[in-house]
Amino acid sequence: MKVLITGARGQLGLCLQSRITNDFEAIALSSSELDITSKSMVNHAITTLQPDLIVNCAAYTAVDRAENDEKAAYSVNCTGPENLAYAAAILGIPLIHISTDYVFDGESKTPYLPESPTAPTSVYGNTKLAGEKAVQAITSKHIIIRTAWVFSEYGSNFVKTMIKLGSSKDELGIVADQIGCPTYAGDLAQLIIMFADKLKNADFNQYGVYHFCGNKAVSWYDFAKEIFTRQLSVDENYKVPKLNPLSTAQFPTAAKRPQYSVLADNSLPLLGLLESSNWRNSLSTVINKLNG
């Protein structure tokens, strides 16, 4: 099976490339190699490469910047997936598209299911939901995976930011009233590979929306504590900063964050797929990699 991966230089794209096996012929293209916002470029790439599956890892993820850059966010998060969906539909091939917890308002007290009502409260969330809807409207052969709080050894993410800030700050204020499930990009990549393996079967018909995230809900504050505990375990000379819990009101941002971002999906185990990510184990793996 020939798999075209977009957003090849992002966290998920890099994790996917490092894990995909020789059972697949992976063609990974960065945004500079394939601008998914260009319909002509997408059509040319798909026609030339003739993949059997498209995995869209490309996204505009600068949540706060999106508030003043809606056009660019919409272009990448909606127009891009729309172009890929049209190309996939023409070839009759499946499209795996990655989405986010930001399609919800965060007001729930129980985990969000794939069928839960969406109500984004930010430009980023609105553009990602628009991308979902475009994919669903264009091709029936879609798998949309919503995830949250992604971290890895690659790119920019909360884990790397905490370790960097901690090495130069005596104190850090961390939001303690936003709850979610950290998700290791490597585990998400493994789920995508498992889906791809099932898609080799021409009779596969379990298309739709899925949720995948870490297995234990935590606040950003408690996540930071876990990060520093593991960093100290591999670097005994690391000076852990004092952590001060903050409320969302004490840490204003341009975009409104969901207060509650816990995702759940009862259908994944029924398909024999990964149900969730053991983020604490994965965090240790990432910390070890970052420390060489």
C-alpha atoms as a PDB file:
ATOM      1  CA  MET A   1       0.000   0.000   0.000  1.00  0.00           C
ATOM      2  CA  LYS A   2       1.333   3.417  -1.011  1.00  0.00           C
ATOM      3  CA  VAL A   3       0.650   6.045   1.674  1.00  0.00           C
ATOM      4  CA  LEU A   4       0.937   9.784   1.098  1.00  0.00           C
ATOM      5  CA  ILE A   5       1.667  11.683   4.326  1.00  0.00           C
ATOM      6  CA  THR A   6       1.196  15.451   4.387  1.00  0.00           C
ATOM      7  CA  GLY A   7       2.679  17.709   7.071  1.00  0.00           C
ATOM      8  CA  ALA A   8       5.776  15.529   7.144  1.00  0.00           C
ATOM      9  CA  ARG A   9       7.865  17.863   9.323  1.00  0.00           C
ATOM     10  CA  GLY A  10       5.342  18.206  12.157  1.00  0.00           C
ATOM     11  CA  GLN A  11       5.267  16.160  15.359  1.00  0.00           C
ATOM     12  CA  LEU A  12       2.827  13.576  14.072  1.00  0.00           C
ATOM     13  CA  GLY A  13       4.319  13.426  10.581  1.00  0.00           C
ATOM     14  CA  LEU A  14       7.787  12.683  11.969  1.00  0.00           C
ATOM     15  CA  CYS A  15       6.489  10.116  14.457  1.00  0.00           C
ATOM     16  CA  LEU A  16       4.525   8.411  11.705  1.00  0.00           C
ATOM     17  CA  GLN A  17       7.558   8.186   9.450  1.00  0.00           C
ATOM     18  CA  SER A  18       9.684   6.706  12.241  1.00  0.00           C
ATOM     19  CA  ARG A  19       7.144   3.946  12.900  1.00  0.00           C
ATOM     20  CA  ILE A  20       5.657   2.998   9.555  1.00  0.00           C
ATOM     21  CA  THR A  21       6.863  -0.401   8.429  1.00  0.00           C
ATOM     22  CA  ASN A  22       8.098  -1.780   5.145  1.00  0.00           C
ATOM     23  CA  ASP A  23       4.586  -3.133   4.588  1.00  0.00           C
ATOM     24  CA  PHE A  24       3.815   0.374   3.355  1.00  0.00           C
ATOM     25  CA  GLU A  25       5.440   2.583   0.767  1.00  0.00           C
ATOM     26  CA  ALA A  26       5.442   5.917   2.559  1.00  0.00           C
ATOM     27  CA  ILE A  27       5.734   9.203   0.666  1.00  0.00           C
ATOM     28  CA  ALA A  28       6.071  11.987   3.223  1.00  0.00           C
ATOM     29  CA  LEU A  29       5.814  15.566   1.992  1.00  0.00           C
ATOM     30  CA  SER A  30       6.323  18.747   3.992  1.00  0.00           C
ATOM     31  CA  SER A  31       4.328  21.929   3.429  1.00  0.00           C
ATOM     32  CA  SER A  32       7.148  23.267   1.264  1.00  0.00           C
ATOM     33  CA  GLU A  33       6.946  20.150  -0.904  1.00  0.00           C
ATOM     34  CA  LEU A  34       3.153  20.008  -1.062  1.00  0.00           C
ATOM     35  CA  ASP A  35       1.033  23.043  -0.261  1.00  0.00           C
ATOM     36  CA  ILE A  36      -2.311  21.433   0.500  1.00  0.00           C
ATOM     37  CA  THR A  37      -4.046  24.826   0.204  1.00  0.00           C
ATOM     38  CA  SER A  38      -3.329  24.746  -3.533  1.00  0.00           C
ATOM     39  CA  LYS A  39      -5.886  22.598  -5.339  1.00  0.00           C
ATOM     40  CA  SER A  40      -3.731  22.387  -8.484  1.00  0.00           C
ATOM     41  CA  MET A  41      -0.676  21.242  -6.500  1.00  0.00           C
ATOM     42  CA  VAL A  42      -2.705  18.636  -4.640  1.00  0.00           C
ATOM     43  CA  ASN A  43      -4.282  17.307  -7.837  1.00  0.00           C
ATOM     44  CA  HIS A  44      -0.894  17.142  -9.547  1.00  0.00           C
ATOM     45  CA  ALA A  45       0.689  15.294  -6.614  1.00  0.00           C
ATOM     46  CA  ILE A  46      -2.155  12.801  -6.285  1.00  0.00           C
ATOM     47  CA  THR A  47      -2.287  12.156 -10.029  1.00  0.00           C
ATOM     48  CA  THR A  48       1.465  11.711 -10.232  1.00  0.00           C
ATOM     49  CA  LEU A  49       1.991   9.642  -7.089  1.00  0.00           C
ATOM     50  CA  GLN A  50      -1.208   7.553  -7.259  1.00  0.00           C
ATOM     51  CA  PRO A  51      -1.337   6.716  -3.536  1.00  0.00           C
ATOM     52  CA  ASP A  52      -3.654   4.124  -2.024  1.00  0.00           C
ATOM     53  CA  LEU A  53      -4.205   6.192   1.112  1.00  0.00           C
ATOM     54  CA  ILE A  54      -3.760   9.831   2.163  1.00  0.00           C
ATOM     55  CA  VAL A  55      -2.911  10.721   5.767  1.00  0.00           C
ATOM     56  CA  ASN A  56      -3.286  14.430   6.444  1.00  0.00           C
ATOM     57  CA  CYS A  57      -1.027  15.487   9.320  1.00  0.00           C
ATOM     58  CA  ALA A  58      -0.810  19.097   8.115  1.00  0.00           C
ATOM     59  CA  ALA A  59      -2.484  21.771  10.234  1.00  0.00           C
ATOM     60  CA  TYR A  60      -2.337  25.373  11.337  1.00  0.00           C
ATOM     61  CA  THR A  61      -1.900  24.875  15.100  1.00  0.00           C
ATOM     62  CA  ALA A  62      -0.915  28.356  16.342  1.00  0.00           C
ATOM     63  CA  VAL A  63      -4.099  28.683  18.396  1.00  0.00           C
ATOM     64  CA  ASP A  64      -3.641  32.264  19.612  1.00  0.00           C
ATOM     65  CA  ARG A  65      -2.177  33.587  16.363  1.00  0.00           C
ATOM     66  CA  ALA A  66      -5.191  32.222  14.515  1.00  0.00           C
ATOM     67  CA  GLU A  67      -7.429  34.759  16.254  1.00  0.00           C
ATOM     68  CA  ASN A  68      -5.831  37.489  14.115  1.00  0.00           C
ATOM     69  CA  ASP A  69      -4.903  35.274  11.174  1.00  0.00           C
ATOM     70  CA  GLU A  70      -8.191  33.569  10.393  1.00  0.00           C
ATOM     71  CA  LYS A  71      -7.622  33.505   6.635  1.00  0.00           C
ATOM     72  CA  ALA A  72      -4.394  31.515   6.934  1.00  0.00           C
ATOM     73  CA  ALA A  73      -5.850  29.177   9.556  1.00  0.00           C
ATOM     74  CA  TYR A  74      -8.929  28.530   7.423  1.00  0.00           C
ATOM     75  CA  SER A  75      -6.804  27.940   4.356  1.00  0.00           C
ATOM     76  CA  VAL A  76      -4.710  25.200   6.006  1.00  0.00           C
ATOM     77  CA  ASN A  77      -7.345  23.698   8.296  1.00  0.00           C
ATOM     78  CA  CYS A  78     -10.318  23.726   5.922  1.00  0.00           C
ATOM     79  CA  THR A  79      -9.336  24.423   2.320  1.00  0.00           C
ATOM     80  CA  GLY A  80      -6.395  22.008   2.569  1.00  0.00           C
ATOM     81  CA  PRO A  81      -8.425  19.019   3.798  1.00  0.00           C
ATOM     82  CA  GLU A  82     -11.117  19.921   1.251  1.00  0.00           C
ATOM     83  CA  ASN A  83      -8.552  19.711  -1.576  1.00  0.00           C
ATOM     84  CA  LEU A  84      -7.242  16.389  -0.287  1.00  0.00           C
ATOM     85  CA  ALA A  85     -10.775  15.016   0.055  1.00  0.00           C
ATOM     86  CA  TYR A  86     -11.630  15.913  -3.552  1.00  0.00           C
ATOM     87  CA  ALA A  87      -8.429  14.263  -4.772  1.00  0.00           C
ATOM     88  CA  ALA A  88      -9.083  11.169  -2.663  1.00  0.00           C
ATOM     89  CA  ALA A  89     -12.656  10.958  -3.968  1.00  0.00           C
ATOM     90  CA  ILE A  90     -11.469  11.142  -7.578  1.00  0.00           C
ATOM     91  CA  LEU A  91      -9.089   8.213  -7.008  1.00  0.00           C
ATOM     92  CA  GLY A  92     -11.588   6.385  -4.798  1.00  0.00           C
ATOM     93  CA  ILE A  93      -9.070   6.079  -1.959  1.00  0.00           C
ATOM     94  CA  PRO A  94      -9.463   6.671   1.801  1.00  0.00           C
ATOM     95  CA  LEU A  95      -8.386   9.821   3.638  1.00  0.00           C
ATOM     96  CA  ILE A  96      -7.278   9.851   7.277  1.00  0.00           C
ATOM     97  CA  HIS A  97      -7.585  13.368   8.674  1.00  0.00           C
ATOM     98  CA  ILE A  98      -6.458  14.578  12.112  1.00  0.00           C
ATOM     99  CA  SER A  99      -8.646  16.954  14.096  1.00  0.00           C
ATOM    100  CA  THR A 100      -8.814  18.344  17.615  1.00  0.00           C
ATOM    101  CA  ASP A 101     -10.609  18.670  20.945  1.00  0.00           C
ATOM    102  CA  TYR A 102     -11.050  22.381  20.151  1.00  0.00           C
ATOM    103  CA  VAL A 103     -14.173  21.523  18.133  1.00  0.00           C
ATOM    104  CA  PHE A 104     -15.903  21.330  21.554  1.00  0.00           C
ATOM    105  CA  ASP A 105     -16.654  24.184  23.940  1.00  0.00           C
ATOM    106  CA  GLY A 106     -15.094  22.490  26.969  1.00  0.00           C
ATOM    107  CA  GLU A 107     -18.190  22.959  29.119  1.00  0.00           C
ATOM    108  CA  SER A 108     -18.895  19.246  29.536  1.00  0.00           C
ATOM    109  CA  LYS A 109     -18.327  17.411  32.812  1.00  0.00           C
ATOM    110  CA  THR A 110     -18.033  14.007  31.154  1.00  0.00           C
ATOM    111  CA  PRO A 111     -15.733  12.806  28.342  1.00  0.00           C
ATOM    112  CA  TYR A 112     -16.669  13.889  24.827  1.00  0.00           C
ATOM    113  CA  LEU A 113     -17.692  11.090  22.466  1.00  0.00           C
ATOM    114  CA  PRO A 114     -17.361  11.262  18.651  1.00  0.00           C
ATOM    115  CA  GLU A 115     -21.097  11.952  18.406  1.00  0.00           C
ATOM    116  CA  SER A 116     -21.116  14.708  21.059  1.00  0.00           C
ATOM    117  CA  PRO A 117     -22.388  18.091  19.812  1.00  0.00           C
ATOM    118  CA  THR A 118     -19.605  20.374  18.581  1.00  0.00           C
ATOM    119  CA  ALA A 119     -19.378  24.038  19.581  1.00  0.00           C
ATOM    120  CA  PRO A 120     -15.929  25.570  19.019  1.00  0.00           C
ATOM    121  CA  THR A 121     -15.127  28.821  20.818  1.00  0.00           C
ATOM    122  CA  SER A 122     -11.985  29.883  18.907  1.00  0.00           C
ATOM    123  CA  VAL A 123     -10.930  30.576  15.336  1.00  0.00           C
ATOM    124  CA  TYR A 124      -8.683  27.524  15.459  1.00  0.00           C
ATOM    125  CA  GLY A 125     -11.547  25.305  16.614  1.00  0.00           C
ATOM    126  CA  ASN A 126     -13.916  26.728  14.024  1.00  0.00           C
ATOM    127  CA  THR A 127     -11.456  26.158  11.167  1.00  0.00           C
ATOM    128  CA  LYS A 128     -10.741  22.591  12.274  1.00  0.00           C
ATOM    129  CA  LEU A 129     -14.460  21.827  12.472  1.00  0.00           C
ATOM    130  CA  ALA A 130     -14.928  23.354   9.021  1.00  0.00           C
ATOM    131  CA  GLY A 131     -12.218  21.010   7.767  1.00  0.00           C
ATOM    132  CA  GLU A 132     -13.990  18.016   9.282  1.00  0.00           C
ATOM    133  CA  LYS A 133     -17.267  18.981   7.651  1.00  0.00           C
ATOM    134  CA  ALA A 134     -15.609  19.503   4.271  1.00  0.00           C
ATOM    135  CA  VAL A 135     -14.043  16.041   4.375  1.00  0.00           C
ATOM    136  CA  GLN A 136     -17.308  14.421   5.454  1.00  0.00           C
ATOM    137  CA  ALA A 137     -19.263  16.169   2.687  1.00  0.00           C
ATOM    138  CA  ILE A 138     -16.846  15.230  -0.104  1.00  0.00           C
ATOM    139  CA  THR A 139     -15.825  11.639   0.517  1.00  0.00           C
ATOM    140  CA  SER A 140     -17.486   8.788   2.380  1.00  0.00           C
ATOM    141  CA  LYS A 141     -14.101   7.061   2.704  1.00  0.00           C
ATOM    142  CA  HIS A 142     -12.853   9.207   5.562  1.00  0.00           C
ATOM    143  CA  ILE A 143     -11.439   8.530   8.997  1.00  0.00           C
ATOM    144  CA  ILE A 144     -11.307  11.638  11.167  1.00  0.00           C
ATOM    145  CA  ILE A 145      -9.312  11.251  14.374  1.00  0.00           C
ATOM    146  CA  ARG A 146      -9.750  13.926  17.038  1.00  0.00           C
ATOM    147  CA  THR A 147      -6.948  14.180  19.565  1.00  0.00           C
ATOM    148  CA  ALA A 148      -5.676  16.571  22.247  1.00  0.00           C
ATOM    149  CA  TRP A 149      -2.617  17.932  24.080  1.00  0.00           C
ATOM    150  CA  VAL A 150      -0.134  16.317  21.679  1.00  0.00           C
ATOM    151  CA  PHE A 151       3.508  16.032  22.723  1.00  0.00           C
ATOM    152  CA  SER A 152       6.603  14.282  21.401  1.00  0.00           C
ATOM    153  CA  GLU A 153      10.361  14.530  21.050  1.00  0.00           C
ATOM    154  CA  TYR A 154       9.830  16.612  17.907  1.00  0.00           C
ATOM    155  CA  GLY A 155       8.784  20.193  17.182  1.00  0.00           C
ATOM    156  CA  SER A 156       7.303  22.621  19.690  1.00  0.00           C
ATOM    157  CA  ASN A 157       5.091  21.272  22.462  1.00  0.00           C
ATOM    158  CA  PHE A 158       4.318  21.649  26.165  1.00  0.00           C
ATOM    159  CA  VAL A 159       6.888  19.084  27.329  1.00  0.00           C
ATOM    160  CA  LYS A 160       9.793  20.717  25.518  1.00  0.00           C
ATOM    161  CA  THR A 161       8.629  24.192  26.535  1.00  0.00           C
ATOM    162  CA  MET A 162       8.474  23.239  30.222  1.00  0.00           C
ATOM    163  CA  ILE A 163      11.951  21.713  30.228  1.00  0.00           C
ATOM    164  CA  LYS A 164      13.410  24.732  28.450  1.00  0.00           C
ATOM    165  CA  LEU A 165      11.694  27.270  30.702  1.00  0.00           C
ATOM    166  CA  GLY A 166      12.496  25.257  33.801  1.00  0.00           C
ATOM    167  CA  SER A 167      16.201  25.380  33.052  1.00  0.00           C
ATOM    168  CA  SER A 168      16.193  29.178  33.159  1.00  0.00           C
ATOM    169  CA  LYS A 169      13.372  30.089  35.581  1.00  0.00           C
ATOM    170  CA  ASP A 170      13.128  29.719  39.350  1.00  0.00           C
ATOM    171  CA  GLU A 171       9.327  29.808  39.280  1.00  0.00           C
ATOM    172  CA  LEU A 172       6.648  28.999  36.704  1.00  0.00           C
ATOM    173  CA  GLY A 173       2.943  29.725  36.771  1.00  0.00           C
ATOM    174  CA  ILE A 174       0.907  26.907  35.200  1.00  0.00           C
ATOM    175  CA  VAL A 175      -2.839  26.816  34.520  1.00  0.00           C
ATOM    176  CA  ALA A 176      -4.484  24.360  36.901  1.00  0.00           C
ATOM    177  CA  ASP A 177      -8.183  24.554  35.989  1.00  0.00           C
ATOM    178  CA  GLN A 178      -8.049  23.261  32.408  1.00  0.00           C
ATOM    179  CA  ILE A 179      -8.384  19.476  32.241  1.00  0.00           C
ATOM    180  CA  GLY A 180      -7.360  17.213  29.373  1.00  0.00           C
ATOM    181  CA  CYS A 181      -5.508  14.078  28.368  1.00  0.00           C
ATOM    182  CA  PRO A 182      -1.935  14.448  27.084  1.00  0.00           C
ATOM    183  CA  THR A 183      -1.352  12.379  23.965  1.00  0.00           C
ATOM    184  CA  TYR A 184       1.961  11.092  22.660  1.00  0.00           C
ATOM    185  CA  ALA A 185       2.234  11.669  18.908  1.00  0.00           C
ATOM    186  CA  GLY A 186       4.001   8.319  18.595  1.00  0.00           C
ATOM    187  CA  ASP A 187       0.967   6.493  19.980  1.00  0.00           C
ATOM    188  CA  LEU A 188      -1.320   8.434  17.654  1.00  0.00           C
ATOM    189  CA  ALA A 189       0.976   7.467  14.777  1.00  0.00           C
ATOM    190  CA  GLN A 190       0.673   3.816  15.797  1.00  0.00           C
ATOM    191  CA  LEU A 191      -3.127   4.088  15.701  1.00  0.00           C
ATOM    192  CA  ILE A 192      -2.950   5.556  12.195  1.00  0.00           C
ATOM    193  CA  ILE A 193      -0.742   2.668  11.074  1.00  0.00           C
ATOM    194  CA  MET A 194      -3.247   0.194  12.531  1.00  0.00           C
ATOM    195  CA  PHE A 195      -6.048   1.919  10.632  1.00  0.00           C
ATOM    196  CA  ALA A 196      -3.934   1.843   7.457  1.00  0.00           C
ATOM    197  CA  ASP A 197      -3.400  -1.866   7.907  1.00  0.00           C
ATOM    198  CA  LYS A 198      -7.154  -2.427   8.151  1.00  0.00           C
ATOM    199  CA  LEU A 199      -7.697  -0.262   5.064  1.00  0.00           C
ATOM    200  CA  LYS A 200      -5.724  -2.800   3.021  1.00  0.00           C
ATOM    201  CA  ASN A 201      -8.906  -4.843   3.205  1.00  0.00           C
ATOM    202  CA  ALA A 202     -11.184  -3.668   0.404  1.00  0.00           C
ATOM    203  CA  ASP A 203     -14.203  -4.630   2.535  1.00  0.00           C
ATOM    204  CA  PHE A 204     -13.352  -2.175   5.327  1.00  0.00           C
ATOM    205  CA  ASN A 205     -16.372   0.032   5.971  1.00  0.00           C
ATOM    206  CA  GLN A 206     -15.819   1.470   9.457  1.00  0.00           C
ATOM    207  CA  TYR A 207     -15.376   5.028   8.246  1.00  0.00           C
ATOM    208  CA  GLY A 208     -16.280   8.007  10.412  1.00  0.00           C
ATOM    209  CA  VAL A 209     -15.077  10.076  13.381  1.00  0.00           C
ATOM    210  CA  TYR A 210     -12.924   8.648  16.166  1.00  0.00           C
ATOM    211  CA  HIS A 211     -11.394   9.993  19.365  1.00  0.00           C
ATOM    212  CA  PHE A 212      -7.919   9.150  20.641  1.00  0.00           C
ATOM    213  CA  CYS A 213      -5.997  10.684  23.537  1.00  0.00           C
ATOM    214  CA  GLY A 214      -4.137   9.882  26.749  1.00  0.00           C
ATOM    215  CA  ASN A 215      -5.613   7.462  29.266  1.00  0.00           C
ATOM    216  CA  LYS A 216      -5.663   9.700  32.348  1.00  0.00           C
ATOM    217  CA  ALA A 217      -7.119  13.199  32.634  1.00  0.00           C
ATOM    218  CA  VAL A 218      -4.884  15.817  34.216  1.00  0.00           C
ATOM    219  CA  SER A 219      -4.505  19.589  34.489  1.00  0.00           C
ATOM    220  CA  TRP A 220      -1.684  21.478  32.783  1.00  0.00           C
ATOM    221  CA  TYR A 221      -0.283  22.096  36.271  1.00  0.00           C
ATOM    222  CA  ASP A 222      -0.215  18.390  37.140  1.00  0.00           C
ATOM    223  CA  PHE A 223       1.149  17.557  33.697  1.00  0.00           C
ATOM    224  CA  ALA A 224       4.028  19.979  34.336  1.00  0.00           C
ATOM    225  CA  LYS A 225       4.739  18.298  37.680  1.00  0.00           C
ATOM    226  CA  GLU A 226       4.953  14.927  35.927  1.00  0.00           C
ATOM    227  CA  ILE A 227       7.327  16.381  33.338  1.00  0.00           C
ATOM    228  CA  PHE A 228       9.719  17.747  35.935  1.00  0.00           C
ATOM    229  CA  THR A 229       9.596  14.554  38.011  1.00  0.00           C
ATOM    230  CA  ARG A 230      10.721  12.537  35.007  1.00  0.00           C
ATOM    231  CA  GLN A 231      13.282  15.122  33.915  1.00  0.00           C
ATOM    232  CA  LEU A 232      14.852  14.987  37.383  1.00  0.00           C
ATOM    233  CA  SER A 233      14.955  11.176  37.230  1.00  0.00           C
ATOM    234  CA  VAL A 234      17.258  11.273  34.187  1.00  0.00           C
ATOM    235  CA  ASP A 235      19.171  14.443  35.116  1.00  0.00           C
ATOM    236  CA  GLU A 236      19.798  14.628  38.853  1.00  0.00           C
ATOM    237  CA  ASN A 237      21.449  18.027  38.423  1.00  0.00           C
ATOM    238  CA  TYR A 238      18.358  19.574  36.858  1.00  0.00           C
ATOM    239  CA  LYS A 239      16.985  22.315  39.094  1.00  0.00           C
ATOM    240  CA  VAL A 240      13.212  21.986  39.179  1.00  0.00           C
ATOM    241  CA  PRO A 241      11.476  25.382  39.348  1.00  0.00           C
ATOM    242  CA  LYS A 242       8.755  26.159  41.855  1.00  0.00           C
ATOM    243  CA  LEU A 243       5.368  25.621  40.214  1.00  0.00           C
ATOM    244  CA  ASN A 244       2.507  27.968  41.026  1.00  0.00           C
ATOM    245  CA  PRO A 245      -1.047  26.915  40.053  1.00  0.00           C
ATOM    246  CA  LEU A 246      -2.947  29.584  38.111  1.00  0.00           C
ATOM    247  CA  SER A 247      -6.554  29.951  37.080  1.00  0.00           C
ATOM    248  CA  THR A 248      -7.482  30.538  33.454  1.00  0.00           C
ATOM    249  CA  ALA A 249      -8.461  34.082  34.433  1.00  0.00           C
ATOM    250  CA  GLN A 250      -4.933  34.676  35.750  1.00  0.00           C
ATOM    251  CA  PHE A 251      -3.414  33.553  32.456  1.00  0.00           C
ATOM    252  CA  PRO A 252      -5.407  35.278  29.693  1.00  0.00           C
ATOM    253  CA  THR A 253      -4.827  34.212  26.084  1.00  0.00           C
ATOM    254  CA  ALA A 254      -6.088  35.502  22.757  1.00  0.00           C
ATOM    255  CA  ALA A 255      -8.020  32.290  22.087  1.00  0.00           C
ATOM    256  CA  LYS A 256     -10.390  30.724  24.566  1.00  0.00           C
ATOM    257  CA  ARG A 257      -9.227  27.266  25.643  1.00  0.00           C
ATOM    258  CA  PRO A 258     -11.646  24.440  26.457  1.00  0.00           C
ATOM    259  CA  GLN A 259     -11.829  23.999  30.236  1.00  0.00           C
ATOM    260  CA  TYR A 260     -12.458  20.281  29.793  1.00  0.00           C
ATOM    261  CA  SER A 261     -10.840  18.424  26.898  1.00  0.00           C
ATOM    262  CA  VAL A 262     -11.252  14.779  27.819  1.00  0.00           C
ATOM    263  CA  LEU A 263     -12.074  12.591  24.807  1.00  0.00           C
ATOM    264  CA  ALA A 264     -13.414   9.042  24.830  1.00  0.00           C
ATOM    265  CA  ASP A 265     -14.280   6.462  22.180  1.00  0.00           C
ATOM    266  CA  ASN A 266     -15.864   3.080  22.839  1.00  0.00           C
ATOM    267  CA  SER A 267     -15.580   1.975  19.216  1.00  0.00           C
ATOM    268  CA  LEU A 268     -11.796   1.694  18.927  1.00  0.00           C
ATOM    269  CA  PRO A 269     -11.425  -1.479  21.052  1.00  0.00           C
ATOM    270  CA  LEU A 270     -14.282  -3.077  19.110  1.00  0.00           C
ATOM    271  CA  LEU A 271     -12.125  -2.678  16.001  1.00  0.00           C
ATOM    272  CA  GLY A 272      -9.115  -4.154  17.764  1.00  0.00           C
ATOM    273  CA  LEU A 273      -7.349  -0.778  17.775  1.00  0.00           C
ATOM    274  CA  LEU A 274      -5.523   1.215  20.443  1.00  0.00           C
ATOM    275  CA  GLU A 275      -8.097   2.597  22.864  1.00  0.00           C
ATOM    276  CA  SER A 276      -5.908   5.263  24.442  1.00  0.00           C
ATOM    277  CA  SER A 277      -2.339   6.372  25.013  1.00  0.00           C
ATOM    278  CA  ASN A 278      -0.514   5.599  28.266  1.00  0.00           C
ATOM    279  CA  TRP A 279       0.887   9.086  28.341  1.00  0.00           C
ATOM    280  CA  ARG A 280       2.900   8.660  31.540  1.00  0.00           C
ATOM    281  CA  ASN A 281       4.921   5.802  30.035  1.00  0.00           C
ATOM    282  CA  SER A 282       5.269   7.716  26.779  1.00  0.00           C
ATOM    283  CA  LEU A 283       6.378  10.833  28.667  1.00  0.00           C
ATOM    284  CA  SER A 284       9.264   8.869  30.157  1.00  0.00           C
ATOM    285  CA  THR A 285      10.226   7.715  26.671  1.00  0.00           C
ATOM    286  CA  VAL A 286      10.195  11.276  25.348  1.00  0.00           C
ATOM    287  CA  ILE A 287      12.184  12.636  28.312  1.00  0.00           C
ATOM    288  CA  ASN A 288      14.822   9.963  27.786  1.00  0.00           C
ATOM    289  CA  LYS A 289      15.082  10.834  24.096  1.00  0.00           C
ATOM    290  CA  LEU A 290      15.351  14.552  24.795  1.00  0.00           C
ATOM    291  CA  ASN A 291      18.183  13.864  27.217  1.00  0.00           C
ATOM    292  CA  GLY A 292      20.084  11.838  24.645  1.00  0.00           C
END
